[in-house]
Amino acid sequence: MPLTEQQFFESVFRNPINAQLLIRLRALQIPQGILTAGCLVQTVWNLKSGYDPQYGIKDYDIFYFDDSDLSWDAEDAVIRQVQQAVADLPAKVEIKNQARVHLWYKDKFGADYPALQKAEDGIDRYLTLCTRIGIRLCDSSLYAPDGLGDMWNGILRLNPLNPQHELYLIKCTEYLQRWPWLTIVDRQTATAMDHNQDVRN
């Protein structure tokens, strides 16, 4: 049975960190703020696997978009504001201004990155299509350009908007260590993973 949007939200809120972030951060009125990435998808995978909702979630990502000031100081001020609001939560919360990612991405990851126009553009460039999901802080509306099917079924597809096979390979390997029932569709990556497994053996 496909996962409905209502079932998705019910699953997400079974992780108390997600629930608290959506409640607390809405009040901060962060421009285009959106809760996204692993904290949503991996909560669903955990519940489907019979794990604790918080199992294996390394951090909780908040994207926002403010191109009125692209300085690090401006972003750091928002980071500090968020950290103060969630200081008592037992989780690592990371927030990034998607308006300035292009300023540092190449130095960190070695690839060009375009200047974005909105927070959702950052989600659109995730390495895996099934993780392109977010919940907007302002109204708790869902952003899921690929739907929920692949996410629910654990199908990992390379994002053609960001075809970085090496980084994608690393991401898939990390996912499979925690949720071994996931399936990689990308042939090149699957072949590389099989080769690496043979080398280790």
C-alpha atoms as a PDB file:
ATOM      1  CA  MET A   1       0.000   0.000   0.000  1.00  0.00           C
ATOM      2  CA  PRO A   2       1.337   3.481  -0.840  1.00  0.00           C
ATOM      3  CA  LEU A   3       2.078   5.883   1.983  1.00  0.00           C
ATOM      4  CA  THR A   4      -0.425   8.712   2.159  1.00  0.00           C
ATOM      5  CA  GLU A   5       0.507  12.271   3.094  1.00  0.00           C
ATOM      6  CA  GLN A   6      -1.448  11.911   6.338  1.00  0.00           C
ATOM      7  CA  GLN A   7       0.424   8.714   7.219  1.00  0.00           C
ATOM      8  CA  PHE A   8       3.708  10.437   6.425  1.00  0.00           C
ATOM      9  CA  PHE A   9       2.967  13.269   8.856  1.00  0.00           C
ATOM     10  CA  GLU A  10       1.803  10.816  11.510  1.00  0.00           C
ATOM     11  CA  SER A  11       5.094   8.943  11.159  1.00  0.00           C
ATOM     12  CA  VAL A  12       7.206  12.106  11.245  1.00  0.00           C
ATOM     13  CA  PHE A  13       5.532  13.287  14.428  1.00  0.00           C
ATOM     14  CA  ARG A  14       6.256   9.998  16.173  1.00  0.00           C
ATOM     15  CA  ASN A  15       9.799  11.327  16.378  1.00  0.00           C
ATOM     16  CA  PRO A  16       9.467  13.868  19.216  1.00  0.00           C
ATOM     17  CA  ILE A  17      12.440  15.901  17.947  1.00  0.00           C
ATOM     18  CA  ASN A  18      10.683  16.540  14.645  1.00  0.00           C
ATOM     19  CA  ALA A  19       7.539  17.547  16.457  1.00  0.00           C
ATOM     20  CA  GLN A  20       9.338  19.977  18.743  1.00  0.00           C
ATOM     21  CA  LEU A  21      11.320  21.556  15.907  1.00  0.00           C
ATOM     22  CA  LEU A  22       8.204  22.219  13.858  1.00  0.00           C
ATOM     23  CA  ILE A  23       6.495  23.800  16.857  1.00  0.00           C
ATOM     24  CA  ARG A  24       9.383  25.858  18.210  1.00  0.00           C
ATOM     25  CA  LEU A  25      10.925  27.106  14.999  1.00  0.00           C
ATOM     26  CA  ARG A  26       7.673  28.311  13.477  1.00  0.00           C
ATOM     27  CA  ALA A  27       7.638  31.077  16.058  1.00  0.00           C
ATOM     28  CA  LEU A  28      11.031  32.330  14.882  1.00  0.00           C
ATOM     29  CA  GLN A  29       9.617  33.177  11.426  1.00  0.00           C
ATOM     30  CA  ILE A  30      12.802  32.167   9.634  1.00  0.00           C
ATOM     31  CA  PRO A  31      12.524  33.182   5.948  1.00  0.00           C
ATOM     32  CA  GLN A  32      11.321  30.188   3.923  1.00  0.00           C
ATOM     33  CA  GLY A  33      12.277  27.902   6.806  1.00  0.00           C
ATOM     34  CA  ILE A  34      11.812  24.205   6.085  1.00  0.00           C
ATOM     35  CA  LEU A  35      12.602  21.038   8.057  1.00  0.00           C
ATOM     36  CA  THR A  36      14.161  18.564   5.678  1.00  0.00           C
ATOM     37  CA  ALA A  37      16.406  15.626   4.854  1.00  0.00           C
ATOM     38  CA  GLY A  38      17.182  12.574   6.945  1.00  0.00           C
ATOM     39  CA  CYS A  39      15.195  13.475  10.022  1.00  0.00           C
ATOM     40  CA  LEU A  40      11.994  13.023   8.017  1.00  0.00           C
ATOM     41  CA  VAL A  41      12.851  10.188   5.656  1.00  0.00           C
ATOM     42  CA  GLN A  42      14.841   8.210   8.197  1.00  0.00           C
ATOM     43  CA  THR A  43      12.098   8.463  10.795  1.00  0.00           C
ATOM     44  CA  VAL A  44       9.786   6.736   8.318  1.00  0.00           C
ATOM     45  CA  TRP A  45      12.434   4.124   7.484  1.00  0.00           C
ATOM     46  CA  ASN A  46      12.965   3.497  11.198  1.00  0.00           C
ATOM     47  CA  LEU A  47       9.296   2.899  11.867  1.00  0.00           C
ATOM     48  CA  LYS A  48       9.018   0.620   8.846  1.00  0.00           C
ATOM     49  CA  SER A  49      12.069  -1.306  10.114  1.00  0.00           C
ATOM     50  CA  GLY A  50      10.699  -1.658  13.639  1.00  0.00           C
ATOM     51  CA  TYR A  51      13.384   0.655  15.051  1.00  0.00           C
ATOM     52  CA  ASP A  52      13.084   3.543  17.449  1.00  0.00           C
ATOM     53  CA  PRO A  53      11.958   6.642  15.477  1.00  0.00           C
ATOM     54  CA  GLN A  54      15.240   8.433  16.276  1.00  0.00           C
ATOM     55  CA  TYR A  55      17.573   5.548  15.412  1.00  0.00           C
ATOM     56  CA  GLY A  56      20.541   6.459  13.205  1.00  0.00           C
ATOM     57  CA  ILE A  57      19.528  10.070  12.611  1.00  0.00           C
ATOM     58  CA  LYS A  58      22.761  12.043  12.759  1.00  0.00           C
ATOM     59  CA  ASP A  59      21.279  15.518  12.598  1.00  0.00           C
ATOM     60  CA  TYR A  60      18.147  17.533  11.941  1.00  0.00           C
ATOM     61  CA  ASP A  61      18.400  19.941   9.020  1.00  0.00           C
ATOM     62  CA  ILE A  62      16.692  23.289   8.651  1.00  0.00           C
ATOM     63  CA  PHE A  63      16.984  25.147   5.350  1.00  0.00           C
ATOM     64  CA  TYR A  64      16.029  28.775   4.892  1.00  0.00           C
ATOM     65  CA  PHE A  65      16.519  31.412   2.228  1.00  0.00           C
ATOM     66  CA  ASP A  66      17.570  35.006   2.782  1.00  0.00           C
ATOM     67  CA  ASP A  67      19.517  36.741   0.025  1.00  0.00           C
ATOM     68  CA  SER A  68      19.335  40.176   1.641  1.00  0.00           C
ATOM     69  CA  ASP A  69      22.644  39.550   3.421  1.00  0.00           C
ATOM     70  CA  LEU A  70      24.987  36.814   2.205  1.00  0.00           C
ATOM     71  CA  SER A  71      27.565  37.301   4.921  1.00  0.00           C
ATOM     72  CA  TRP A  72      28.528  34.520   7.307  1.00  0.00           C
ATOM     73  CA  ASP A  73      27.723  36.828  10.220  1.00  0.00           C
ATOM     74  CA  ALA A  74      24.090  37.049   9.121  1.00  0.00           C
ATOM     75  CA  GLU A  75      23.774  33.279   8.818  1.00  0.00           C
ATOM     76  CA  ASP A  76      25.555  32.767  12.117  1.00  0.00           C
ATOM     77  CA  ALA A  77      23.037  35.038  13.825  1.00  0.00           C
ATOM     78  CA  VAL A  78      20.205  32.783  12.623  1.00  0.00           C
ATOM     79  CA  ILE A  79      22.140  29.680  13.670  1.00  0.00           C
ATOM     80  CA  ARG A  80      22.555  31.084  17.165  1.00  0.00           C
ATOM     81  CA  GLN A  81      18.873  31.989  17.342  1.00  0.00           C
ATOM     82  CA  VAL A  82      17.883  28.447  16.422  1.00  0.00           C
ATOM     83  CA  GLN A  83      20.407  26.884  18.780  1.00  0.00           C
ATOM     84  CA  GLN A  84      19.006  28.901  21.645  1.00  0.00           C
ATOM     85  CA  ALA A  85      15.470  27.781  20.816  1.00  0.00           C
ATOM     86  CA  VAL A  86      16.401  24.074  20.766  1.00  0.00           C
ATOM     87  CA  ALA A  87      19.230  23.967  23.293  1.00  0.00           C
ATOM     88  CA  ASP A  88      17.442  21.470  25.535  1.00  0.00           C
ATOM     89  CA  LEU A  89      16.667  18.971  22.771  1.00  0.00           C
ATOM     90  CA  PRO A  90      18.908  15.859  22.645  1.00  0.00           C
ATOM     91  CA  ALA A  91      19.732  16.271  18.968  1.00  0.00           C
ATOM     92  CA  LYS A  92      22.140  18.000  16.609  1.00  0.00           C
ATOM     93  CA  VAL A  93      20.251  20.681  14.690  1.00  0.00           C
ATOM     94  CA  GLU A  94      21.880  22.272  11.650  1.00  0.00           C
ATOM     95  CA  ILE A  95      20.553  25.283   9.755  1.00  0.00           C
ATOM     96  CA  LYS A  96      21.831  26.624   6.440  1.00  0.00           C
ATOM     97  CA  ASN A  97      20.953  29.649   4.356  1.00  0.00           C
ATOM     98  CA  GLN A  98      20.439  28.235   0.879  1.00  0.00           C
ATOM     99  CA  ALA A  99      21.051  31.677  -0.618  1.00  0.00           C
ATOM    100  CA  ARG A 100      24.755  31.390   0.151  1.00  0.00           C
ATOM    101  CA  VAL A 101      25.549  27.686  -0.364  1.00  0.00           C
ATOM    102  CA  HIS A 102      27.129  28.438  -3.741  1.00  0.00           C
ATOM    103  CA  LEU A 103      29.729  30.563  -1.946  1.00  0.00           C
ATOM    104  CA  TRP A 104      31.290  27.630  -0.077  1.00  0.00           C
ATOM    105  CA  TYR A 105      30.123  24.411  -1.759  1.00  0.00           C
ATOM    106  CA  LYS A 106      32.977  23.999  -4.237  1.00  0.00           C
ATOM    107  CA  ASP A 107      35.640  24.434  -1.559  1.00  0.00           C
ATOM    108  CA  LYS A 108      34.004  21.754   0.564  1.00  0.00           C
ATOM    109  CA  PHE A 109      32.837  19.235  -2.037  1.00  0.00           C
ATOM    110  CA  GLY A 110      34.911  20.042  -5.131  1.00  0.00           C
ATOM    111  CA  ALA A 111      31.996  20.692  -7.469  1.00  0.00           C
ATOM    112  CA  ASP A 112      30.301  23.805  -8.793  1.00  0.00           C
ATOM    113  CA  TYR A 113      26.992  24.781  -7.277  1.00  0.00           C
ATOM    114  CA  PRO A 114      24.537  27.284  -8.756  1.00  0.00           C
ATOM    115  CA  ALA A 115      23.148  30.259  -6.911  1.00  0.00           C
ATOM    116  CA  LEU A 116      19.699  29.199  -5.703  1.00  0.00           C
ATOM    117  CA  GLN A 117      16.459  31.166  -5.781  1.00  0.00           C
ATOM    118  CA  LYS A 118      14.520  29.623  -2.907  1.00  0.00           C
ATOM    119  CA  ALA A 119      14.949  27.180  -0.029  1.00  0.00           C
ATOM    120  CA  GLU A 120      13.326  24.322  -1.927  1.00  0.00           C
ATOM    121  CA  ASP A 121      16.039  24.579  -4.590  1.00  0.00           C
ATOM    122  CA  GLY A 122      18.475  23.181  -2.039  1.00  0.00           C
ATOM    123  CA  ILE A 123      16.233  20.178  -1.459  1.00  0.00           C
ATOM    124  CA  ASP A 124      15.946  19.678  -5.208  1.00  0.00           C
ATOM    125  CA  ARG A 125      19.708  19.090  -5.385  1.00  0.00           C
ATOM    126  CA  TYR A 126      19.937  16.261  -2.850  1.00  0.00           C
ATOM    127  CA  LEU A 127      22.012  13.325  -4.078  1.00  0.00           C
ATOM    128  CA  THR A 128      19.091  10.887  -3.841  1.00  0.00           C
ATOM    129  CA  LEU A 129      15.677  11.612  -5.299  1.00  0.00           C
ATOM    130  CA  CYS A 130      13.680   9.855  -2.594  1.00  0.00           C
ATOM    131  CA  THR A 131      15.042  12.158   0.114  1.00  0.00           C
ATOM    132  CA  ARG A 132      13.855  15.344  -1.617  1.00  0.00           C
ATOM    133  CA  ILE A 133      11.269  16.015   1.065  1.00  0.00           C
ATOM    134  CA  GLY A 134      10.628  18.888   3.446  1.00  0.00           C
ATOM    135  CA  ILE A 135       8.005  20.338   5.769  1.00  0.00           C
ATOM    136  CA  ARG A 136       7.665  24.125   5.687  1.00  0.00           C
ATOM    137  CA  LEU A 137       7.853  25.737   9.108  1.00  0.00           C
ATOM    138  CA  CYS A 138       5.329  28.478   8.367  1.00  0.00           C
ATOM    139  CA  ASP A 139       2.347  26.225   7.695  1.00  0.00           C
ATOM    140  CA  SER A 140       3.573  22.597   7.974  1.00  0.00           C
ATOM    141  CA  SER A 141       2.909  22.050   4.268  1.00  0.00           C
ATOM    142  CA  LEU A 142       4.710  19.212   2.537  1.00  0.00           C
ATOM    143  CA  TYR A 143       7.315  19.671  -0.176  1.00  0.00           C
ATOM    144  CA  ALA A 144       7.872  16.402  -2.029  1.00  0.00           C
ATOM    145  CA  PRO A 145       8.522  16.929  -5.765  1.00  0.00           C
ATOM    146  CA  ASP A 146       9.016  13.190  -6.334  1.00  0.00           C
ATOM    147  CA  GLY A 147       6.114  12.068  -4.195  1.00  0.00           C
ATOM    148  CA  LEU A 148       6.460   9.596  -1.335  1.00  0.00           C
ATOM    149  CA  GLY A 149       6.561   6.289  -3.213  1.00  0.00           C
ATOM    150  CA  ASP A 150      10.304   5.787  -3.595  1.00  0.00           C
ATOM    151  CA  MET A 151      10.925   7.000  -0.064  1.00  0.00           C
ATOM    152  CA  TRP A 152       8.406   4.543   1.378  1.00  0.00           C
ATOM    153  CA  ASN A 153       9.742   1.675  -0.724  1.00  0.00           C
ATOM    154  CA  GLY A 154      13.375   2.519   0.039  1.00  0.00           C
ATOM    155  CA  ILE A 155      14.383   3.034  -3.591  1.00  0.00           C
ATOM    156  CA  LEU A 156      17.570   5.072  -3.981  1.00  0.00           C
ATOM    157  CA  ARG A 157      17.924   6.844  -7.323  1.00  0.00           C
ATOM    158  CA  LEU A 158      20.707   9.217  -8.315  1.00  0.00           C
ATOM    159  CA  ASN A 159      19.489  12.784  -8.719  1.00  0.00           C
ATOM    160  CA  PRO A 160      20.249  13.942 -12.296  1.00  0.00           C
ATOM    161  CA  LEU A 161      20.384  17.531 -11.044  1.00  0.00           C
ATOM    162  CA  ASN A 162      23.394  16.619  -8.896  1.00  0.00           C
ATOM    163  CA  PRO A 163      25.040  13.540 -10.466  1.00  0.00           C
ATOM    164  CA  GLN A 164      28.026  13.185  -8.160  1.00  0.00           C
ATOM    165  CA  HIS A 165      28.507   9.411  -8.188  1.00  0.00           C
ATOM    166  CA  GLU A 166      31.283   9.289  -5.611  1.00  0.00           C
ATOM    167  CA  LEU A 167      29.333  11.250  -3.008  1.00  0.00           C
ATOM    168  CA  TYR A 168      26.210   9.294  -3.902  1.00  0.00           C
ATOM    169  CA  LEU A 169      28.117   6.034  -3.366  1.00  0.00           C
ATOM    170  CA  ILE A 170      29.172   7.182   0.084  1.00  0.00           C
ATOM    171  CA  LYS A 171      25.607   8.209   0.925  1.00  0.00           C
ATOM    172  CA  CYS A 172      24.139   4.898  -0.256  1.00  0.00           C
ATOM    173  CA  THR A 173      26.726   2.926   1.702  1.00  0.00           C
ATOM    174  CA  GLU A 174      25.861   4.821   4.876  1.00  0.00           C
ATOM    175  CA  TYR A 175      22.152   4.262   4.327  1.00  0.00           C
ATOM    176  CA  LEU A 176      22.536   0.523   3.705  1.00  0.00           C
ATOM    177  CA  GLN A 177      24.521   0.074   6.897  1.00  0.00           C
ATOM    178  CA  ARG A 178      21.529   1.319   8.868  1.00  0.00           C
ATOM    179  CA  TRP A 179      18.630   0.191   6.646  1.00  0.00           C
ATOM    180  CA  PRO A 180      19.841  -2.857   4.649  1.00  0.00           C
ATOM    181  CA  TRP A 181      16.481  -3.363   2.925  1.00  0.00           C
ATOM    182  CA  LEU A 182      16.938  -0.231   0.814  1.00  0.00           C
ATOM    183  CA  THR A 183      17.455  -0.744  -2.926  1.00  0.00           C
ATOM    184  CA  ILE A 184      19.865   1.100  -5.234  1.00  0.00           C
ATOM    185  CA  VAL A 185      18.539   1.618  -8.734  1.00  0.00           C
ATOM    186  CA  ASP A 186      21.501   3.481 -10.225  1.00  0.00           C
ATOM    187  CA  ARG A 187      23.512   0.839 -12.113  1.00  0.00           C
ATOM    188  CA  GLN A 188      26.879   2.614 -11.976  1.00  0.00           C
ATOM    189  CA  THR A 189      26.675   3.121  -8.230  1.00  0.00           C
ATOM    190  CA  ALA A 190      25.454  -0.404  -7.541  1.00  0.00           C
ATOM    191  CA  THR A 191      28.357  -1.815  -9.591  1.00  0.00           C
ATOM    192  CA  ALA A 192      30.839   0.340  -7.694  1.00  0.00           C
ATOM    193  CA  MET A 193      29.404  -0.817  -4.376  1.00  0.00           C
ATOM    194  CA  ASP A 194      29.653  -4.476  -5.429  1.00  0.00           C
ATOM    195  CA  HIS A 195      33.276  -3.915  -6.424  1.00  0.00           C
ATOM    196  CA  ASN A 196      34.100  -2.247  -3.110  1.00  0.00           C
ATOM    197  CA  GLN A 197      32.450  -5.107  -1.245  1.00  0.00           C
ATOM    198  CA  ASP A 198      34.557  -7.633  -3.208  1.00  0.00           C
ATOM    199  CA  VAL A 199      37.719  -5.697  -2.388  1.00  0.00           C
ATOM    200  CA  ARG A 200      36.905  -5.689   1.338  1.00  0.00           C
ATOM    201  CA  ASN A 201      36.220  -9.421   1.276  1.00  0.00           C
END
